[in-house]
PDB file of all heavy atoms in Angstrom:
ATOM      1  N   ALA A   1      -9.741 210.196  97.290  1.00  0.00           N
ATOM      2  CA  ALA A   1      -8.706 209.997  96.275  1.00  0.00           C
ATOM      3  C   ALA A   1      -7.810 208.829  96.646  1.00  0.00           C
ATOM      4  O   ALA A   1      -7.458 207.997  95.793  1.00  0.00           O
ATOM      5  CB  ALA A   1      -7.889 211.280  96.109  1.00  0.00           C
ATOM      6  N   LEU A   2      -7.440 208.739  97.922  1.00  0.00           N
ATOM      7  CA  LEU A   2      -6.611 207.623  98.378  1.00  0.00           C
ATOM      8  C   LEU A   2      -7.369 206.307  98.239  1.00  0.00           C
ATOM      9  O   LEU A   2      -6.800 205.287  97.830  1.00  0.00           O
ATOM     10  CB  LEU A   2      -6.202 207.834  99.829  1.00  0.00           C
ATOM     11  CG  LEU A   2      -5.404 206.691 100.470  1.00  0.00           C
ATOM     12  CD1 LEU A   2      -4.064 206.509  99.766  1.00  0.00           C
ATOM     13  CD2 LEU A   2      -5.209 206.961 101.969  1.00  0.00           C
ATOM     14  N   CYS A   3      -8.658 206.322  98.558  1.00  0.00           N
ATOM     15  CA  CYS A   3      -9.461 205.106  98.445  1.00  0.00           C
ATOM     16  C   CYS A   3      -9.494 204.597  96.998  1.00  0.00           C
ATOM     17  O   CYS A   3      -9.380 203.391  96.753  1.00  0.00           O
ATOM     18  CB  CYS A   3     -10.882 205.364  98.944  1.00  0.00           C
ATOM     19  SG  CYS A   3     -11.002 205.536 100.739  1.00  0.00           S
ATOM     20  N   GLU A   4      -9.665 205.521  96.059  1.00  0.00           N
ATOM     21  CA  GLU A   4      -9.689 205.121  94.655  1.00  0.00           C
ATOM     22  C   GLU A   4      -8.351 204.528  94.232  1.00  0.00           C
ATOM     23  O   GLU A   4      -8.295 203.500  93.540  1.00  0.00           O
ATOM     24  CB  GLU A   4     -10.037 206.330  93.775  1.00  0.00           C
ATOM     25  CG  GLU A   4     -11.469 206.805  93.925  1.00  0.00           C
ATOM     26  CD  GLU A   4     -11.743 208.047  93.094  1.00  0.00           C
ATOM     27  OE1 GLU A   4     -10.838 208.459  92.324  1.00  0.00           O
ATOM     28  OE2 GLU A   4     -12.859 208.599  93.196  1.00  0.00           O
ATOM     29  N   LEU A   5      -7.265 205.167  94.660  1.00  0.00           N
ATOM     30  CA  LEU A   5      -5.931 204.696  94.316  1.00  0.00           C
ATOM     31  C   LEU A   5      -5.659 203.311  94.904  1.00  0.00           C
ATOM     32  O   LEU A   5      -5.190 202.402  94.208  1.00  0.00           O
ATOM     33  CB  LEU A   5      -4.885 205.687  94.817  1.00  0.00           C
ATOM     34  CG  LEU A   5      -3.424 205.352  94.529  1.00  0.00           C
ATOM     35  CD1 LEU A   5      -3.167 205.350  93.028  1.00  0.00           C
ATOM     36  CD2 LEU A   5      -2.508 206.353  95.230  1.00  0.00           C
ATOM     37  N   LEU A   6      -5.993 203.127  96.186  1.00  0.00           N
ATOM     38  CA  LEU A   6      -5.755 201.845  96.834  1.00  0.00           C
ATOM     39  C   LEU A   6      -6.646 200.752  96.250  1.00  0.00           C
ATOM     40  O   LEU A   6      -6.212 199.592  96.115  1.00  0.00           O
ATOM     41  CB  LEU A   6      -5.992 201.964  98.335  1.00  0.00           C
ATOM     42  CG  LEU A   6      -4.955 202.775  99.122  1.00  0.00           C
ATOM     43  CD1 LEU A   6      -5.298 202.768 100.604  1.00  0.00           C
ATOM     44  CD2 LEU A   6      -3.551 202.231  98.896  1.00  0.00           C
ATOM     45  N   SER A   7      -7.866 201.096  95.932  1.00  0.00           N
ATOM     46  CA  SER A   7      -8.777 200.097  95.354  1.00  0.00           C
ATOM     47  C   SER A   7      -8.236 199.576  94.028  1.00  0.00           C
ATOM     48  O   SER A   7      -8.267 198.367  93.773  1.00  0.00           O
ATOM     49  CB  SER A   7     -10.166 200.711  95.136  1.00  0.00           C
ATOM     50  OG  SER A   7     -10.761 201.062  96.372  1.00  0.00           O
ATOM     51  N   GLU A   8      -7.708 200.479  93.205  1.00  0.00           N
ATOM     52  CA  GLU A   8      -7.135 200.072  91.920  1.00  0.00           C
ATOM     53  C   GLU A   8      -5.882 199.230  92.122  1.00  0.00           C
ATOM     54  O   GLU A   8      -5.681 198.199  91.465  1.00  0.00           O
ATOM     55  CB  GLU A   8      -6.821 201.309  91.076  1.00  0.00           C
ATOM     56  CG  GLU A   8      -8.053 202.076  90.617  1.00  0.00           C
ATOM     57  CD  GLU A   8      -7.699 203.348  89.870  1.00  0.00           C
ATOM     58  OE1 GLU A   8      -6.481 203.589  89.666  1.00  0.00           O
ATOM     59  OE2 GLU A   8      -8.617 204.099  89.485  1.00  0.00           O
ATOM     60  N   TYR A   9      -5.027 199.669  93.034  1.00  0.00           N
ATOM     61  CA  TYR A   9      -3.786 198.939  93.267  1.00  0.00           C
ATOM     62  C   TYR A   9      -4.037 197.553  93.846  1.00  0.00           C
ATOM     63  O   TYR A   9      -3.460 196.558  93.395  1.00  0.00           O
ATOM     64  CB  TYR A   9      -2.885 199.752  94.200  1.00  0.00           C
ATOM     65  CG  TYR A   9      -1.572 199.070  94.481  1.00  0.00           C
ATOM     66  CD1 TYR A   9      -0.509 199.168  93.576  1.00  0.00           C
ATOM     67  CD2 TYR A   9      -1.374 198.329  95.641  1.00  0.00           C
ATOM     68  CE1 TYR A   9       0.703 198.534  93.813  1.00  0.00           C
ATOM     69  CE2 TYR A   9      -0.166 197.697  95.893  1.00  0.00           C
ATOM     70  CZ  TYR A   9       0.868 197.803  94.975  1.00  0.00           C
ATOM     71  OH  TYR A   9       2.054 197.171  95.223  1.00  0.00           O
ATOM     72  N   LEU A  10      -4.931 197.475  94.840  1.00  0.00           N
ATOM     73  CA  LEU A  10      -5.192 196.185  95.476  1.00  0.00           C
ATOM     74  C   LEU A  10      -5.937 195.238  94.547  1.00  0.00           C
ATOM     75  O   LEU A  10      -5.803 194.023  94.661  1.00  0.00           O
ATOM     76  CB  LEU A  10      -5.971 196.398  96.769  1.00  0.00           C
ATOM     77  CG  LEU A  10      -5.170 197.077  97.886  1.00  0.00           C
ATOM     78  CD1 LEU A  10      -6.070 197.424  99.074  1.00  0.00           C
ATOM     79  CD2 LEU A  10      -4.011 196.196  98.355  1.00  0.00           C
ATOM     80  N   ALA A  11      -6.698 195.785  93.608  1.00  0.00           N
ATOM     81  CA  ALA A  11      -7.357 194.935  92.621  1.00  0.00           C
ATOM     82  C   ALA A  11      -6.327 194.209  91.771  1.00  0.00           C
ATOM     83  O   ALA A  11      -6.520 193.030  91.402  1.00  0.00           O
ATOM     84  CB  ALA A  11      -8.279 195.765  91.736  1.00  0.00           C
ATOM     85  N   LEU A  12      -5.222 194.881  91.475  1.00  0.00           N
ATOM     86  CA  LEU A  12      -4.157 194.237  90.709  1.00  0.00           C
ATOM     87  C   LEU A  12      -3.500 193.115  91.506  1.00  0.00           C
ATOM     88  O   LEU A  12      -2.901 192.206  90.925  1.00  0.00           O
ATOM     89  CB  LEU A  12      -3.098 195.279  90.314  1.00  0.00           C
ATOM     90  CG  LEU A  12      -3.564 196.392  89.375  1.00  0.00           C
ATOM     91  CD1 LEU A  12      -2.433 197.403  89.173  1.00  0.00           C
ATOM     92  CD2 LEU A  12      -4.012 195.812  88.035  1.00  0.00           C
ATOM     93  N   GLU A  13      -3.611 193.178  92.832  1.00  0.00           N
ATOM     94  CA  GLU A  13      -3.040 192.148  93.694  1.00  0.00           C
ATOM     95  C   GLU A  13      -4.046 191.031  93.993  1.00  0.00           C
ATOM     96  O   GLU A  13      -3.740 190.112  94.756  1.00  0.00           O
ATOM     97  CB  GLU A  13      -2.580 192.778  95.025  1.00  0.00           C
ATOM     98  CG  GLU A  13      -1.445 193.781  94.856  1.00  0.00           C
ATOM     99  CD  GLU A  13      -0.134 193.129  94.472  1.00  0.00           C
ATOM    100  OE1 GLU A  13       0.064 191.950  94.824  1.00  0.00           O
ATOM    101  OE2 GLU A  13       0.700 193.800  93.839  1.00  0.00           O
ATOM    102  N   GLY A  14      -5.236 191.146  93.402  1.00  0.00           N
ATOM    103  CA  GLY A  14      -6.216 190.073  93.572  1.00  0.00           C
ATOM    104  C   GLY A  14      -7.236 190.301  94.664  1.00  0.00           C
ATOM    105  O   GLY A  14      -7.936 189.359  95.066  1.00  0.00           O
ATOM    106  N   TYR A  15      -7.357 191.524  95.150  1.00  0.00           N
ATOM    107  CA  TYR A  15      -8.316 191.837  96.207  1.00  0.00           C
ATOM    108  C   TYR A  15      -9.463 192.677  95.665  1.00  0.00           C
ATOM    109  O   TYR A  15      -9.266 193.562  94.822  1.00  0.00           O
ATOM    110  CB  TYR A  15      -7.633 192.605  97.352  1.00  0.00           C
ATOM    111  CG  TYR A  15      -6.516 191.845  98.010  1.00  0.00           C
ATOM    112  CD1 TYR A  15      -5.192 192.199  97.779  1.00  0.00           C
ATOM    113  CD2 TYR A  15      -6.764 190.790  98.863  1.00  0.00           C
ATOM    114  CE1 TYR A  15      -4.142 191.517  98.367  1.00  0.00           C
ATOM    115  CE2 TYR A  15      -5.734 190.088  99.463  1.00  0.00           C
ATOM    116  CZ  TYR A  15      -4.421 190.456  99.211  1.00  0.00           C
ATOM    117  OH  TYR A  15      -3.396 189.767  99.802  1.00  0.00           O
ATOM    118  N   ALA A  16     -10.650 192.418  96.166  1.00  0.00           N
ATOM    119  CA  ALA A  16     -11.806 193.250  95.848  1.00  0.00           C
ATOM    120  C   ALA A  16     -12.026 194.194  97.025  1.00  0.00           C
ATOM    121  O   ALA A  16     -12.233 193.757  98.158  1.00  0.00           O
ATOM    122  CB  ALA A  16     -13.046 192.367  95.637  1.00  0.00           C
ATOM    123  N   VAL A  17     -11.981 195.493  96.772  1.00  0.00           N
ATOM    124  CA  VAL A  17     -12.030 196.495  97.829  1.00  0.00           C
ATOM    125  C   VAL A  17     -13.326 197.285  97.739  1.00  0.00           C
ATOM    126  O   VAL A  17     -13.693 197.772  96.672  1.00  0.00           O
ATOM    127  CB  VAL A  17     -10.837 197.459  97.737  1.00  0.00           C
ATOM    128  CG1 VAL A  17     -10.904 198.500  98.837  1.00  0.00           C
ATOM    129  CG2 VAL A  17      -9.524 196.688  97.826  1.00  0.00           C
ATOM    130  N   GLU A  18     -13.998 197.427  98.876  1.00  0.00           N
ATOM    131  CA  GLU A  18     -15.140 198.332  98.970  1.00  0.00           C
ATOM    132  C   GLU A  18     -14.755 199.425  99.952  1.00  0.00           C
ATOM    133  O   GLU A  18     -14.295 199.130 101.052  1.00  0.00           O
ATOM    134  CB  GLU A  18     -16.393 197.617  99.457  1.00  0.00           C
ATOM    135  CG  GLU A  18     -17.591 198.539  99.597  1.00  0.00           C
ATOM    136  CD  GLU A  18     -18.860 197.817 100.019  1.00  0.00           C
ATOM    137  OE1 GLU A  18     -18.967 196.606  99.761  1.00  0.00           O
ATOM    138  OE2 GLU A  18     -19.740 198.471 100.617  1.00  0.00           O
ATOM    139  N   ALA A  19     -14.943 200.679  99.562  1.00  0.00           N
ATOM    140  CA  ALA A  19     -14.555 201.801 100.404  1.00  0.00           C
ATOM    141  C   ALA A  19     -15.780 202.522 100.938  1.00  0.00           C
ATOM    142  O   ALA A  19     -16.774 202.724 100.214  1.00  0.00           O
ATOM    143  CB  ALA A  19     -13.679 202.778  99.618  1.00  0.00           C
ATOM    144  N   VAL A  20     -15.721 202.899 102.196  1.00  0.00           N
ATOM    145  CA  VAL A  20     -16.739 203.775 102.817  1.00  0.00           C
ATOM    146  C   VAL A  20     -15.985 204.908 103.489  1.00  0.00           C
ATOM    147  O   VAL A  20     -14.807 204.757 103.860  1.00  0.00           O
ATOM    148  CB  VAL A  20     -17.628 203.014 103.818  1.00  0.00           C
ATOM    149  CG1 VAL A  20     -18.483 201.980 103.116  1.00  0.00           C
ATOM    150  CG2 VAL A  20     -16.778 202.344 104.894  1.00  0.00           C
ATOM    151  N   HIS A  21     -16.673 206.042 103.686  1.00  0.00           N
ATOM    152  CA  HIS A  21     -15.938 207.265 104.016  1.00  0.00           C
ATOM    153  C   HIS A  21     -16.324 207.901 105.337  1.00  0.00           C
ATOM    154  O   HIS A  21     -15.929 209.038 105.607  1.00  0.00           O
ATOM    155  CB  HIS A  21     -16.091 208.272 102.877  1.00  0.00           C
ATOM    156  CG  HIS A  21     -15.752 207.704 101.532  1.00  0.00           C
ATOM    157  ND1 HIS A  21     -14.507 207.187 101.241  1.00  0.00           N
ATOM    158  CD2 HIS A  21     -16.505 207.539 100.393  1.00  0.00           C
ATOM    159  CE1 HIS A  21     -14.493 206.735  99.997  1.00  0.00           C
ATOM    160  NE2 HIS A  21     -15.689 206.931  99.471  1.00  0.00           N
ATOM    161  N   ASP A  22     -17.073 207.219 106.168  1.00  0.00           N
ATOM    162  CA  ASP A  22     -17.324 207.733 107.514  1.00  0.00           C
ATOM    163  C   ASP A  22     -17.432 206.566 108.487  1.00  0.00           C
ATOM    164  O   ASP A  22     -17.603 205.411 108.091  1.00  0.00           O
ATOM    165  CB  ASP A  22     -18.590 208.612 107.555  1.00  0.00           C
ATOM    166  CG  ASP A  22     -19.862 207.813 107.371  1.00  0.00           C
ATOM    167  OD1 ASP A  22     -20.282 207.119 108.314  1.00  0.00           O
ATOM    168  OD2 ASP A  22     -20.447 207.878 106.261  1.00  0.00           O
ATOM    169  N   GLY A  23     -17.303 206.874 109.767  1.00  0.00           N
ATOM    170  CA  GLY A  23     -17.214 205.833 110.773  1.00  0.00           C
ATOM    171  C   GLY A  23     -18.470 204.999 110.925  1.00  0.00           C
ATOM    172  O   GLY A  23     -18.404 203.782 111.100  1.00  0.00           O
ATOM    173  N   GLU A  24     -19.632 205.636 110.872  1.00  0.00           N
ATOM    174  CA  GLU A  24     -20.873 204.889 111.056  1.00  0.00           C
ATOM    175  C   GLU A  24     -21.098 203.892 109.927  1.00  0.00           C
ATOM    176  O   GLU A  24     -21.460 202.732 110.156  1.00  0.00           O
ATOM    177  CB  GLU A  24     -22.053 205.847 111.167  1.00  0.00           C
ATOM    178  CG  GLU A  24     -22.078 206.622 112.490  1.00  0.00           C
ATOM    179  CD  GLU A  24     -23.341 207.438 112.658  1.00  0.00           C
ATOM    180  OE1 GLU A  24     -24.183 207.442 111.718  1.00  0.00           O
ATOM    181  OE2 GLU A  24     -23.492 208.088 113.712  1.00  0.00           O
ATOM    182  N   ALA A  25     -20.881 204.331 108.689  1.00  0.00           N
ATOM    183  CA  ALA A  25     -21.024 203.426 107.550  1.00  0.00           C
ATOM    184  C   ALA A  25     -19.970 202.330 107.609  1.00  0.00           C
ATOM    185  O   ALA A  25     -20.229 201.155 107.279  1.00  0.00           O
ATOM    186  CB  ALA A  25     -20.905 204.204 106.241  1.00  0.00           C
TER     187      ALA A  25
END
């Protein structure tokens, strides 16, 4: 949920965000 929120917010700031959810990935 935090990843989705940050991805949307940072996109508005001009960043493209890719999220992964475990250490190995």
